[in-house]
Amino acid sequence: MRVITHFGLWFVGLEQAQTQTSPGERACLAKHAAGKRRLVEIGVWHGVTTRVLRSVMDPSATLYAVDPFPPGRLGFSFQYRIAHREVGAVRNGKVVWVRSTGEEAARKHRLQGLPPLDFIFIDGDHTYEGLKADWTGWSPLLAPGGVVALHDSRDTKESPRPGAGSVQYTSEIIVKHPAFEVIDEFESLTVLRRRAS
């Protein structure tokens, strides 16, 4: 019932679209996504960060917004409707909606032979296996010099996530990957660049 109530309040302008990112994390994402031309976000929810990415990307850019948006009890996704309107409020570049899991979307992206990406934001399934699937699916699709940002990837005093699978996978696997270097960290975000060689 809370989902329907929030949708109604959002629709009449009494509540904001929801996000689990902080203002500082969104500013960090904006800094690293600025001017990028081929972007993907895994985990859209209400489109708050999608809107940020669209506002700073190159005017000729394409942003792939990936989320399964599962239908609720009424047969449709309130989150999908909210995200569409939020992201549609920004008129910059092009947004391609991919209603799929991150893993499946990466497989389709690869099969279509699309150009390498220059920015990826992974904010989907925060379990160990969920992040592993998104990372192994999308990281090979990032161009040399491209940037990937991971949400809920750090356990800090300001942003505690003890025992989170995404924190564990990031620290055990991702930050040790020889093809990537950490270039920024802010609250729960880890930002890496794919090495040129």
Protein backbone atom coordinates (compact mmCIF):
# COMPACT_ATOMS: atom_id res chain seq x y z
CA MET A 1 0.00 0.00 0.00
CA ARG A 2 2.92 2.34 0.74
CA VAL A 3 4.04 2.10 -2.92
CA ILE A 4 0.63 3.27 -4.17
CA THR A 5 0.46 6.02 -1.55
CA HIS A 6 3.92 7.28 -2.48
CA PHE A 7 3.04 7.21 -6.18
CA GLY A 8 -0.08 9.29 -5.54
CA LEU A 9 1.79 11.82 -3.42
CA TRP A 10 4.64 11.99 -5.96
CA PHE A 11 2.14 12.41 -8.80
CA VAL A 12 0.62 15.52 -7.20
CA GLY A 13 4.03 16.89 -6.20
CA LEU A 14 3.88 16.24 -2.45
CA GLU A 15 6.74 13.70 -2.38
CA GLN A 16 10.03 13.40 -4.27
CA ALA A 17 11.23 10.45 -6.30
CA GLN A 18 13.16 8.07 -4.04
CA THR A 19 16.85 7.19 -4.16
CA GLN A 20 19.37 5.43 -1.93
CA THR A 21 22.18 7.71 -3.11
CA SER A 22 23.19 10.76 -1.09
CA PRO A 23 23.57 14.26 -2.59
CA GLY A 24 27.35 13.85 -2.29
CA GLU A 25 27.30 10.52 -4.10
CA ARG A 26 25.22 12.03 -6.90
CA ALA A 27 27.70 14.90 -7.20
CA CYS A 28 30.54 12.36 -7.44
CA LEU A 29 28.70 10.47 -10.17
CA ALA A 30 28.04 13.71 -12.05
CA LYS A 31 31.73 14.62 -11.92
CA HIS A 32 32.82 11.33 -13.47
CA ALA A 33 29.96 11.05 -16.00
CA ALA A 34 30.31 14.60 -17.33
CA GLY A 35 30.79 14.69 -21.08
CA LYS A 36 30.59 10.89 -21.50
CA ARG A 37 28.94 9.58 -24.66
CA ARG A 38 28.07 5.92 -24.04
CA LEU A 39 26.73 5.30 -20.57
CA VAL A 40 24.83 2.57 -18.75
CA GLU A 41 23.16 2.52 -15.36
CA ILE A 42 22.21 -0.81 -13.80
CA GLY A 43 19.49 -0.27 -11.21
CA VAL A 44 17.31 2.72 -12.07
CA TRP A 45 14.55 2.57 -9.39
CA HIS A 46 12.91 6.04 -9.56
CA GLY A 47 15.41 7.48 -12.02
CA VAL A 48 16.99 10.01 -9.67
CA THR A 49 20.59 9.14 -10.59
CA THR A 50 19.55 8.44 -14.19
CA ARG A 51 18.34 12.02 -14.39
CA VAL A 52 21.66 13.27 -12.99
CA LEU A 53 23.64 11.23 -15.51
CA ARG A 54 21.49 12.45 -18.39
CA SER A 55 21.92 16.06 -17.35
CA VAL A 56 25.75 15.94 -17.45
CA MET A 57 26.46 13.57 -20.35
CA ASP A 58 27.44 14.80 -23.80
CA PRO A 59 24.48 16.14 -25.86
CA SER A 60 25.09 13.38 -28.42
CA ALA A 61 25.29 10.64 -25.78
CA THR A 62 23.21 7.50 -25.29
CA LEU A 63 22.37 6.35 -21.78
CA TYR A 64 21.12 2.78 -21.30
CA ALA A 65 18.82 2.65 -18.27
CA VAL A 66 18.73 -0.98 -17.10
CA ASP A 67 16.20 -2.24 -14.56
CA PRO A 68 13.71 -5.15 -14.64
CA PHE A 69 10.99 -2.95 -13.11
CA PRO A 70 8.96 -5.96 -11.97
CA PRO A 71 5.20 -5.38 -12.05
CA GLY A 72 3.43 -5.08 -8.73
CA ARG A 73 0.10 -6.49 -7.58
CA LEU A 74 -1.78 -4.25 -10.00
CA GLY A 75 0.13 -5.62 -12.99
CA PHE A 76 2.45 -2.67 -13.69
CA SER A 77 5.47 -0.96 -12.15
CA PHE A 78 4.94 2.35 -10.37
CA GLN A 79 8.73 2.76 -10.30
CA TYR A 80 8.89 2.53 -14.10
CA ARG A 81 6.32 5.32 -14.47
CA ILE A 82 8.09 7.54 -11.96
CA ALA A 83 11.50 6.96 -13.57
CA HIS A 84 10.19 7.75 -17.06
CA ARG A 85 8.80 11.08 -15.98
CA GLU A 86 11.82 12.02 -13.85
CA VAL A 87 14.33 11.20 -16.59
CA GLY A 88 12.10 12.69 -19.31
CA ALA A 89 12.27 16.06 -17.55
CA VAL A 90 15.85 16.38 -18.83
CA ARG A 91 16.21 16.95 -22.57
CA ASN A 92 19.77 15.90 -23.28
CA GLY A 93 21.04 13.07 -25.45
CA LYS A 94 19.10 9.84 -25.73
CA VAL A 95 17.92 7.33 -23.14
CA VAL A 96 17.33 3.69 -24.06
CA TRP A 97 15.18 1.85 -21.52
CA VAL A 98 16.25 -1.76 -21.01
CA ARG A 99 13.72 -3.62 -18.90
CA SER A 100 15.92 -6.50 -17.84
CA THR A 101 18.36 -7.65 -15.19
CA GLY A 102 21.87 -6.28 -15.47
CA GLU A 103 23.28 -9.68 -16.39
CA GLU A 104 20.77 -10.27 -19.20
CA ALA A 105 21.14 -6.69 -20.48
CA ALA A 106 24.93 -7.10 -20.71
CA ARG A 107 24.49 -10.30 -22.72
CA LYS A 108 22.13 -8.55 -25.17
CA HIS A 109 24.42 -5.52 -25.39
CA ARG A 110 27.32 -7.80 -26.33
CA LEU A 111 25.28 -9.70 -28.93
CA GLN A 112 24.21 -6.46 -30.59
CA GLY A 113 27.85 -5.53 -31.14
CA LEU A 114 27.42 -2.03 -29.73
CA PRO A 115 30.48 0.21 -29.24
CA PRO A 116 32.36 0.03 -25.92
CA LEU A 117 31.00 2.12 -23.08
CA ASP A 118 32.80 5.01 -21.42
CA PHE A 119 30.76 5.14 -18.19
CA ILE A 120 28.98 2.45 -16.15
CA PHE A 121 27.12 2.90 -12.87
CA ILE A 122 26.33 -0.39 -11.12
CA ASP A 123 23.58 -0.01 -8.52
CA GLY A 124 21.50 -3.15 -9.01
CA ASP A 125 21.54 -6.30 -6.92
CA HIS A 126 23.80 -5.63 -3.91
CA THR A 127 24.36 -9.27 -2.97
CA TYR A 128 27.75 -10.88 -3.60
CA GLU A 129 26.38 -12.96 -6.48
CA GLY A 130 24.35 -10.03 -7.84
CA LEU A 131 27.33 -7.70 -8.09
CA LYS A 132 29.45 -10.52 -9.46
CA ALA A 133 26.94 -11.06 -12.29
CA ASP A 134 26.77 -7.35 -13.12
CA TRP A 135 30.54 -6.86 -12.92
CA THR A 136 31.46 -9.89 -15.03
CA GLY A 137 28.78 -8.96 -17.56
CA TRP A 138 29.53 -5.25 -17.94
CA SER A 139 33.18 -4.60 -17.07
CA PRO A 140 34.48 -6.22 -20.31
CA LEU A 141 32.25 -3.80 -22.25
CA LEU A 142 34.04 -0.74 -20.86
CA ALA A 143 36.47 1.03 -23.18
CA PRO A 144 40.08 1.66 -22.08
CA GLY A 145 40.02 4.86 -20.05
CA GLY A 146 36.33 4.34 -19.28
CA VAL A 147 34.94 4.75 -15.78
CA VAL A 148 32.83 2.40 -13.66
CA ALA A 149 31.18 3.49 -10.40
CA LEU A 150 29.86 1.01 -7.82
CA HIS A 151 27.21 1.90 -5.26
CA ASP A 152 27.05 0.24 -1.83
CA SER A 153 30.62 -0.96 -2.35
CA ARG A 154 32.26 0.46 0.78
CA ASP A 155 31.60 0.13 4.49
CA THR A 156 32.42 3.48 6.12
CA LYS A 157 31.42 5.25 9.31
CA GLU A 158 29.32 7.68 7.29
CA SER A 159 27.83 4.91 5.16
CA PRO A 160 27.79 1.66 7.19
CA ARG A 161 27.13 -1.56 5.25
CA PRO A 162 28.56 -4.31 7.46
CA GLY A 163 28.40 -7.72 5.84
CA ALA A 164 26.99 -6.46 2.54
CA GLY A 165 27.82 -8.83 -0.31
CA SER A 166 28.54 -5.92 -2.65
CA VAL A 167 31.14 -4.56 -0.21
CA GLN A 168 32.76 -7.98 0.08
CA TYR A 169 32.90 -8.58 -3.70
CA THR A 170 34.29 -5.10 -4.32
CA SER A 171 37.10 -5.47 -1.76
CA GLU A 172 37.96 -9.10 -2.58
CA ILE A 173 37.71 -9.03 -6.37
CA ILE A 174 37.05 -5.71 -8.10
CA VAL A 175 39.62 -3.39 -6.52
CA LYS A 176 42.29 -6.07 -7.05
CA HIS A 177 41.52 -6.47 -10.77
CA PRO A 178 44.73 -5.64 -12.68
CA ALA A 179 42.86 -3.98 -15.56
CA PHE A 180 41.30 -1.35 -13.26
CA GLU A 181 42.53 1.36 -10.91
CA VAL A 182 40.56 3.10 -8.16
CA ILE A 183 40.34 6.81 -8.97
CA ASP A 184 37.81 8.01 -6.40
CA GLU A 185 35.91 6.94 -3.30
CA PHE A 186 33.03 8.77 -1.65
CA GLU A 187 30.74 7.42 1.05
CA SER A 188 29.55 4.05 -0.36
CA LEU A 189 30.84 4.74 -3.90
CA THR A 190 33.98 3.24 -5.44
CA VAL A 191 34.99 4.69 -8.81
CA LEU A 192 37.48 2.88 -11.05
CA ARG A 193 39.05 3.52 -14.44
CA ARG A 194 39.93 0.85 -16.95
CA ARG A 195 43.65 1.01 -17.65
CA ALA A 196 44.68 1.96 -21.16
CA SER A 197 46.83 -1.14 -21.72
